[in-house]
Amino acid sequence: MKGEEGSSSRSSETSTQRDMYPGEANDTAFARDVEITNGRWAMLGFLASIVVEAATGKGILGQVIIYLKLSGALGDKSGF
């Protein structure tokens, strides 16, 4: 039985989170879950930007300029 408890799915995690706030409206619960998910994705994006900055030595703006130059969006006369 212990193995079954350890293999909880993501949906049960969400239902557990909803159980923490009894009496909460469905719309509010949905909005809270969406904000938690957005926050998690934002943290992953920030971590990725830190890793890429450490690997390239360029900040986010420098990286955007490099990618735009490589894609051809910024030409030779763009000033960058």
PDB file of N, CA and C in Angstrom:
ATOM      1  N   MET A   1       0.811  -1.196   0.000  1.00  0.00           N
ATOM      2  CA  MET A   1       0.000   0.000   0.000  1.00  0.00           C
ATOM      3  C   MET A   1       0.859   1.267   0.000  1.00  0.00           C
ATOM      4  N   LYS A   2       2.055   1.177   0.566  1.00  0.00           N
ATOM      5  CA  LYS A   2       2.889   2.361   0.594  1.00  0.00           C
ATOM      6  C   LYS A   2       3.310   2.778  -0.804  1.00  0.00           C
ATOM      7  N   GLY A   3       3.545   1.829  -1.701  1.00  0.00           N
ATOM      8  CA  GLY A   3       3.940   2.143  -3.065  1.00  0.00           C
ATOM      9  C   GLY A   3       2.869   2.938  -3.793  1.00  0.00           C
ATOM     10  N   GLU A   4       1.609   2.669  -3.468  1.00  0.00           N
ATOM     11  CA  GLU A   4       0.519   3.392  -4.121  1.00  0.00           C
ATOM     12  C   GLU A   4       0.474   4.832  -3.660  1.00  0.00           C
ATOM     13  N   GLU A   5       0.806   5.086  -2.396  1.00  0.00           N
ATOM     14  CA  GLU A   5       0.790   6.454  -1.888  1.00  0.00           C
ATOM     15  C   GLU A   5       1.885   7.292  -2.531  1.00  0.00           C
ATOM     16  N   GLY A   6       3.048   6.717  -2.766  1.00  0.00           N
ATOM     17  CA  GLY A   6       4.168   7.449  -3.342  1.00  0.00           C
ATOM     18  C   GLY A   6       3.989   7.763  -4.804  1.00  0.00           C
ATOM     19  N   SER A   7       3.116   7.039  -5.484  1.00  0.00           N
ATOM     20  CA  SER A   7       2.933   7.251  -6.915  1.00  0.00           C
ATOM     21  C   SER A   7       1.687   8.085  -7.183  1.00  0.00           C
ATOM     22  N   SER A   8       1.544   9.194  -6.485  1.00  0.00           N
ATOM     23  CA  SER A   8       0.376  10.051  -6.698  1.00  0.00           C
ATOM     24  C   SER A   8       0.539  10.827  -7.993  1.00  0.00           C
ATOM     25  N   SER A   9      -0.549  11.038  -8.686  1.00  0.00           N
ATOM     26  CA  SER A   9      -0.511  11.749  -9.950  1.00  0.00           C
ATOM     27  C   SER A   9      -0.649  13.248  -9.715  1.00  0.00           C
ATOM     28  N   ARG A  10      -0.436  13.992 -10.792  1.00  0.00           N
ATOM     29  CA  ARG A  10      -0.520  15.448 -10.707  1.00  0.00           C
ATOM     30  C   ARG A  10      -1.940  15.894 -10.372  1.00  0.00           C
ATOM     31  N   SER A  11      -2.938  15.165 -10.872  1.00  0.00           N
ATOM     32  CA  SER A  11      -4.322  15.549 -10.601  1.00  0.00           C
ATOM     33  C   SER A  11      -4.646  15.410  -9.121  1.00  0.00           C
ATOM     34  N   SER A  12      -4.089  14.409  -8.456  1.00  0.00           N
ATOM     35  CA  SER A  12      -4.342  14.274  -7.026  1.00  0.00           C
ATOM     36  C   SER A  12      -3.633  15.371  -6.254  1.00  0.00           C
ATOM     37  N   GLU A  13      -2.471  15.837  -6.774  1.00  0.00           N
ATOM     38  CA  GLU A  13      -1.782  16.959  -6.130  1.00  0.00           C
ATOM     39  C   GLU A  13      -2.649  18.208  -6.202  1.00  0.00           C
ATOM     40  N   THR A  14      -3.268  18.431  -7.338  1.00  0.00           N
ATOM     41  CA  THR A  14      -4.128  19.591  -7.495  1.00  0.00           C
ATOM     42  C   THR A  14      -5.345  19.482  -6.594  1.00  0.00           C
ATOM     43  N   SER A  15      -5.931  18.296  -6.497  1.00  0.00           N
ATOM     44  CA  SER A  15      -7.087  18.139  -5.623  1.00  0.00           C
ATOM     45  C   SER A  15      -6.686  18.319  -4.171  1.00  0.00           C
ATOM     46  N   THR A  16      -5.481  17.911  -3.809  1.00  0.00           N
ATOM     47  CA  THR A  16      -4.993  18.136  -2.450  1.00  0.00           C
ATOM     48  C   THR A  16      -4.855  19.623  -2.176  1.00  0.00           C
ATOM     49  N   GLN A  17      -4.354  20.357  -3.156  1.00  0.00           N
ATOM     50  CA  GLN A  17      -4.234  21.808  -2.990  1.00  0.00           C
ATOM     51  C   GLN A  17      -5.616  22.431  -2.824  1.00  0.00           C
ATOM     52  N   ARG A  18      -6.588  21.942  -3.567  1.00  0.00           N
ATOM     53  CA  ARG A  18      -7.940  22.490  -3.450  1.00  0.00           C
ATOM     54  C   ARG A  18      -8.542  22.182  -2.092  1.00  0.00           C
ATOM     55  N   ASP A  19      -8.188  21.028  -1.528  1.00  0.00           N
ATOM     56  CA  ASP A  19      -8.705  20.650  -0.217  1.00  0.00           C
ATOM     57  C   ASP A  19      -8.170  21.560   0.882  1.00  0.00           C
ATOM     58  N   MET A  20      -7.060  22.238   0.623  1.00  0.00           N
ATOM     59  CA  MET A  20      -6.491  23.138   1.622  1.00  0.00           C
ATOM     60  C   MET A  20      -7.351  24.380   1.811  1.00  0.00           C
ATOM     61  N   TYR A  21      -8.185  24.700   0.827  1.00  0.00           N
ATOM     62  CA  TYR A  21      -9.016  25.892   0.865  1.00  0.00           C
ATOM     63  C   TYR A  21     -10.483  25.495   0.746  1.00  0.00           C
ATOM     64  N   PRO A  22     -11.076  24.931   1.788  1.00  0.00           N
ATOM     65  CA  PRO A  22     -12.474  24.499   1.685  1.00  0.00           C
ATOM     66  C   PRO A  22     -13.408  25.693   1.505  1.00  0.00           C
ATOM     67  N   GLY A  23     -14.449  25.496   0.745  1.00  0.00           N
ATOM     68  CA  GLY A  23     -15.427  26.551   0.515  1.00  0.00           C
ATOM     69  C   GLY A  23     -15.019  27.540  -0.559  1.00  0.00           C
ATOM     70  N   GLU A  24     -13.890  27.308  -1.206  1.00  0.00           N
ATOM     71  CA  GLU A  24     -13.420  28.211  -2.248  1.00  0.00           C
ATOM     72  C   GLU A  24     -14.211  27.955  -3.529  1.00  0.00           C
ATOM     73  N   ALA A  25     -14.590  29.018  -4.211  1.00  0.00           N
ATOM     74  CA  ALA A  25     -15.357  28.883  -5.452  1.00  0.00           C
ATOM     75  C   ALA A  25     -14.484  28.235  -6.524  1.00  0.00           C
ATOM     76  N   ASN A  26     -15.119  27.547  -7.463  1.00  0.00           N
ATOM     77  CA  ASN A  26     -14.374  26.864  -8.522  1.00  0.00           C
ATOM     78  C   ASN A  26     -13.555  27.833  -9.357  1.00  0.00           C
ATOM     79  N   ASP A  27     -14.113  29.015  -9.649  1.00  0.00           N
ATOM     80  CA  ASP A  27     -13.378  30.004 -10.434  1.00  0.00           C
ATOM     81  C   ASP A  27     -12.135  30.464  -9.702  1.00  0.00           C
ATOM     82  N   THR A  28     -12.258  30.667  -8.404  1.00  0.00           N
ATOM     83  CA  THR A  28     -11.111  31.107  -7.618  1.00  0.00           C
ATOM     84  C   THR A  28     -10.059  30.012  -7.551  1.00  0.00           C
ATOM     85  N   ALA A  29     -10.497  28.773  -7.387  1.00  0.00           N
ATOM     86  CA  ALA A  29      -9.561  27.649  -7.348  1.00  0.00           C
ATOM     87  C   ALA A  29      -8.848  27.508  -8.684  1.00  0.00           C
ATOM     88  N   PHE A  30      -9.588  27.648  -9.775  1.00  0.00           N
ATOM     89  CA  PHE A  30      -8.983  27.565 -11.101  1.00  0.00           C
ATOM     90  C   PHE A  30      -7.956  28.679 -11.292  1.00  0.00           C
ATOM     91  N   ALA A  31      -8.307  29.912 -10.914  1.00  0.00           N
ATOM     92  CA  ALA A  31      -7.386  31.039 -11.067  1.00  0.00           C
ATOM     93  C   ALA A  31      -6.128  30.833 -10.230  1.00  0.00           C
ATOM     94  N   ARG A  32      -6.296  30.307  -9.011  1.00  0.00           N
ATOM     95  CA  ARG A  32      -5.143  30.064  -8.153  1.00  0.00           C
ATOM     96  C   ARG A  32      -4.240  28.999  -8.771  1.00  0.00           C
ATOM     97  N   ASP A  33      -4.827  27.927  -9.300  1.00  0.00           N
ATOM     98  CA  ASP A  33      -4.037  26.871  -9.936  1.00  0.00           C
ATOM     99  C   ASP A  33      -3.299  27.397 -11.166  1.00  0.00           C
ATOM    100  N   VAL A  34      -3.957  28.247 -11.945  1.00  0.00           N
ATOM    101  CA  VAL A  34      -3.316  28.822 -13.118  1.00  0.00           C
ATOM    102  C   VAL A  34      -2.144  29.704 -12.707  1.00  0.00           C
ATOM    103  N   GLU A  35      -2.318  30.497 -11.673  1.00  0.00           N
ATOM    104  CA  GLU A  35      -1.235  31.368 -11.213  1.00  0.00           C
ATOM    105  C   GLU A  35      -0.062  30.570 -10.653  1.00  0.00           C
ATOM    106  N   ILE A  36      -0.348  29.467  -9.983  1.00  0.00           N
ATOM    107  CA  ILE A  36       0.731  28.610  -9.487  1.00  0.00           C
ATOM    108  C   ILE A  36       1.513  28.026 -10.657  1.00  0.00           C
ATOM    109  N   THR A  37       0.789  27.569 -11.681  1.00  0.00           N
ATOM    110  CA  THR A  37       1.453  27.018 -12.868  1.00  0.00           C
ATOM    111  C   THR A  37       2.271  28.088 -13.572  1.00  0.00           C
ATOM    112  N   ASN A  38       1.723  29.292 -13.738  1.00  0.00           N
ATOM    113  CA  ASN A  38       2.467  30.372 -14.377  1.00  0.00           C
ATOM    114  C   ASN A  38       3.721  30.721 -13.593  1.00  0.00           C
ATOM    115  N   GLY A  39       3.616  30.740 -12.291  1.00  0.00           N
ATOM    116  CA  GLY A  39       4.777  31.033 -11.455  1.00  0.00           C
ATOM    117  C   GLY A  39       5.867  29.990 -11.605  1.00  0.00           C
ATOM    118  N   ARG A  40       5.462  28.736 -11.701  1.00  0.00           N
ATOM    119  CA  ARG A  40       6.449  27.665 -11.884  1.00  0.00           C
ATOM    120  C   ARG A  40       7.153  27.787 -13.226  1.00  0.00           C
ATOM    121  N   TRP A  41       6.392  28.083 -14.288  1.00  0.00           N
ATOM    122  CA  TRP A  41       7.012  28.259 -15.606  1.00  0.00           C
ATOM    123  C   TRP A  41       7.928  29.487 -15.619  1.00  0.00           C
ATOM    124  N   ALA A  42       7.537  30.543 -14.921  1.00  0.00           N
ATOM    125  CA  ALA A  42       8.382  31.738 -14.854  1.00  0.00           C
ATOM    126  C   ALA A  42       9.701  31.431 -14.150  1.00  0.00           C
ATOM    127  N   MET A  43       9.639  30.631 -13.096  1.00  0.00           N
ATOM    128  CA  MET A  43      10.870  30.255 -12.394  1.00  0.00           C
ATOM    129  C   MET A  43      11.787  29.437 -13.298  1.00  0.00           C
ATOM    130  N   LEU A  44      11.203  28.518 -14.079  1.00  0.00           N
ATOM    131  CA  LEU A  44      12.017  27.728 -15.001  1.00  0.00           C
ATOM    132  C   LEU A  44      12.631  28.606 -16.093  1.00  0.00           C
ATOM    133  N   GLY A  45      11.854  29.569 -16.606  1.00  0.00           N
ATOM    134  CA  GLY A  45      12.377  30.481 -17.619  1.00  0.00           C
ATOM    135  C   GLY A  45      13.501  31.341 -17.079  1.00  0.00           C
ATOM    136  N   PHE A  46      13.356  31.811 -15.854  1.00  0.00           N
ATOM    137  CA  PHE A  46      14.407  32.616 -15.237  1.00  0.00           C
ATOM    138  C   PHE A  46      15.668  31.780 -15.033  1.00  0.00           C
ATOM    139  N   LEU A  47      15.504  30.543 -14.584  1.00  0.00           N
ATOM    140  CA  LEU A  47      16.643  29.650 -14.405  1.00  0.00           C
ATOM    141  C   LEU A  47      17.338  29.401 -15.743  1.00  0.00           C
ATOM    142  N   ALA A  48      16.563  29.189 -16.790  1.00  0.00           N
ATOM    143  CA  ALA A  48      17.142  28.964 -18.117  1.00  0.00           C
ATOM    144  C   ALA A  48      17.926  30.182 -18.581  1.00  0.00           C
ATOM    145  N   SER A  49      17.397  31.388 -18.325  1.00  0.00           N
ATOM    146  CA  SER A  49      18.113  32.590 -18.747  1.00  0.00           C
ATOM    147  C   SER A  49      19.423  32.756 -17.982  1.00  0.00           C
ATOM    148  N   ILE A  50      19.441  32.384 -16.701  1.00  0.00           N
ATOM    149  CA  ILE A  50      20.670  32.451 -15.914  1.00  0.00           C
ATOM    150  C   ILE A  50      21.697  31.450 -16.445  1.00  0.00           C
ATOM    151  N   VAL A  51      21.252  30.242 -16.767  1.00  0.00           N
ATOM    152  CA  VAL A  51      22.165  29.215 -17.286  1.00  0.00           C
ATOM    153  C   VAL A  51      22.743  29.640 -18.630  1.00  0.00           C
ATOM    154  N   VAL A  52      21.903  30.165 -19.523  1.00  0.00           N
ATOM    155  CA  VAL A  52      22.386  30.590 -20.840  1.00  0.00           C
ATOM    156  C   VAL A  52      23.321  31.789 -20.701  1.00  0.00           C
ATOM    157  N   GLU A  53      23.013  32.709 -19.794  1.00  0.00           N
ATOM    158  CA  GLU A  53      23.898  33.850 -19.573  1.00  0.00           C
ATOM    159  C   GLU A  53      25.253  33.387 -19.047  1.00  0.00           C
ATOM    160  N   ALA A  54      25.259  32.416 -18.157  1.00  0.00           N
ATOM    161  CA  ALA A  54      26.521  31.888 -17.636  1.00  0.00           C
ATOM    162  C   ALA A  54      27.314  31.185 -18.736  1.00  0.00           C
ATOM    163  N   ALA A  55      26.616  30.511 -19.652  1.00  0.00           N
ATOM    164  CA  ALA A  55      27.291  29.769 -20.713  1.00  0.00           C
ATOM    165  C   ALA A  55      27.834  30.691 -21.805  1.00  0.00           C
ATOM    166  N   THR A  56      27.094  31.754 -22.138  1.00  0.00           N
ATOM    167  CA  THR A  56      27.503  32.622 -23.243  1.00  0.00           C
ATOM    168  C   THR A  56      28.265  33.857 -22.790  1.00  0.00           C
ATOM    169  N   GLY A  57      28.065  34.282 -21.561  1.00  0.00           N
ATOM    170  CA  GLY A  57      28.710  35.508 -21.088  1.00  0.00           C
ATOM    171  C   GLY A  57      27.979  36.757 -21.531  1.00  0.00           C
ATOM    172  N   LYS A  58      26.832  36.600 -22.170  1.00  0.00           N
ATOM    173  CA  LYS A  58      26.039  37.735 -22.638  1.00  0.00           C
ATOM    174  C   LYS A  58      24.742  37.796 -21.852  1.00  0.00           C
ATOM    175  N   GLY A  59      24.272  38.997 -21.574  1.00  0.00           N
ATOM    176  CA  GLY A  59      22.988  39.183 -20.928  1.00  0.00           C
ATOM    177  C   GLY A  59      21.858  38.893 -21.893  1.00  0.00           C
ATOM    178  N   ILE A  60      20.639  39.015 -21.413  1.00  0.00           N
ATOM    179  CA  ILE A  60      19.484  38.660 -22.236  1.00  0.00           C
ATOM    180  C   ILE A  60      19.377  39.564 -23.468  1.00  0.00           C
ATOM    181  N   LEU A  61      19.661  40.848 -23.319  1.00  0.00           N
ATOM    182  CA  LEU A  61      19.583  41.751 -24.467  1.00  0.00           C
ATOM    183  C   LEU A  61      20.645  41.420 -25.505  1.00  0.00           C
ATOM    184  N   GLY A  62      21.842  41.121 -25.051  1.00  0.00           N
ATOM    185  CA  GLY A  62      22.907  40.720 -25.969  1.00  0.00           C
ATOM    186  C   GLY A  62      22.564  39.448 -26.711  1.00  0.00           C
ATOM    187  N   GLN A  63      21.920  38.508 -26.017  1.00  0.00           N
ATOM    188  CA  GLN A  63      21.513  37.260 -26.661  1.00  0.00           C
ATOM    189  C   GLN A  63      20.444  37.503 -27.716  1.00  0.00           C
ATOM    190  N   VAL A  64      19.483  38.374 -27.407  1.00  0.00           N
ATOM    191  CA  VAL A  64      18.420  38.683 -28.370  1.00  0.00           C
ATOM    192  C   VAL A  64      19.019  39.310 -29.622  1.00  0.00           C
ATOM    193  N   ILE A  65      19.967  40.212 -29.446  1.00  0.00           N
ATOM    194  CA  ILE A  65      20.610  40.850 -30.598  1.00  0.00           C
ATOM    195  C   ILE A  65      21.353  39.817 -31.439  1.00  0.00           C
ATOM    196  N   ILE A  66      22.058  38.904 -30.785  1.00  0.00           N
ATOM    197  CA  ILE A  66      22.780  37.856 -31.522  1.00  0.00           C
ATOM    198  C   ILE A  66      21.808  36.991 -32.311  1.00  0.00           C
ATOM    199  N   TYR A  67      20.717  36.575 -31.685  1.00  0.00           N
ATOM    200  CA  TYR A  67      19.746  35.729 -32.382  1.00  0.00           C
ATOM    201  C   TYR A  67      19.074  36.466 -33.532  1.00  0.00           C
ATOM    202  N   LEU A  68      18.798  37.757 -33.352  1.00  0.00           N
ATOM    203  CA  LEU A  68      18.197  38.528 -34.439  1.00  0.00           C
ATOM    204  C   LEU A  68      19.176  38.702 -35.596  1.00  0.00           C
ATOM    205  N   LYS A  69      20.456  38.872 -35.290  1.00  0.00           N
ATOM    206  CA  LYS A  69      21.459  38.973 -36.353  1.00  0.00           C
ATOM    207  C   LYS A  69      21.596  37.658 -37.104  1.00  0.00           C
ATOM    208  N   LEU A  70      21.597  36.544 -36.358  1.00  0.00           N
ATOM    209  CA  LEU A  70      21.730  35.240 -37.004  1.00  0.00           C
ATOM    210  C   LEU A  70      20.517  34.896 -37.857  1.00  0.00           C
ATOM    211  N   SER A  71      19.347  35.367 -37.442  1.00  0.00           N
ATOM    212  CA  SER A  71      18.135  35.065 -38.216  1.00  0.00           C
ATOM    213  C   SER A  71      17.957  35.981 -39.420  1.00  0.00           C
ATOM    214  N   GLY A  72      18.738  37.053 -39.467  1.00  0.00           N
ATOM    215  CA  GLY A  72      18.639  37.985 -40.586  1.00  0.00           C
ATOM    216  C   GLY A  72      17.689  39.127 -40.329  1.00  0.00           C
ATOM    217  N   ALA A  73      17.075  39.198 -39.147  1.00  0.00           N
ATOM    218  CA  ALA A  73      16.154  40.272 -38.825  1.00  0.00           C
ATOM    219  C   ALA A  73      16.899  41.586 -38.648  1.00  0.00           C
ATOM    220  N   LEU A  74      18.133  41.531 -38.163  1.00  0.00           N
ATOM    221  CA  LEU A  74      18.989  42.717 -38.058  1.00  0.00           C
ATOM    222  C   LEU A  74      20.070  42.620 -39.121  1.00  0.00           C
ATOM    223  N   GLY A  75      20.102  43.591 -39.996  1.00  0.00           N
ATOM    224  CA  GLY A  75      21.081  43.593 -41.050  1.00  0.00           C
ATOM    225  C   GLY A  75      22.399  44.222 -40.630  1.00  0.00           C
ATOM    226  N   ASP A  76      23.317  44.355 -41.567  1.00  0.00           N
ATOM    227  CA  ASP A  76      24.642  44.922 -41.301  1.00  0.00           C
ATOM    228  C   ASP A  76      24.537  46.407 -40.913  1.00  0.00           C
ATOM    229  N   LYS A  77      23.534  47.084 -41.415  1.00  0.00           N
ATOM    230  CA  LYS A  77      23.397  48.528 -41.164  1.00  0.00           C
ATOM    231  C   LYS A  77      22.518  48.826 -39.951  1.00  0.00           C
ATOM    232  N   SER A  78      22.245  47.837 -39.139  1.00  0.00           N
ATOM    233  CA  SER A  78      21.368  48.044 -37.989  1.00  0.00           C
ATOM    234  C   SER A  78      22.059  48.761 -36.845  1.00  0.00           C
ATOM    235  N   GLY A  79      23.377  48.775 -36.828  1.00  0.00           N
ATOM    236  CA  GLY A  79      24.106  49.447 -35.765  1.00  0.00           C
ATOM    237  C   GLY A  79      24.490  48.536 -34.620  1.00  0.00           C
ATOM    238  N   PHE A  80      24.146  47.271 -34.712  1.00  0.00           N
ATOM    239  CA  PHE A  80      24.505  46.331 -33.640  1.00  0.00           C
ATOM    240  C   PHE A  80      25.576  45.399 -34.100  1.00  0.00           C
TER     241      PHE A  80
END
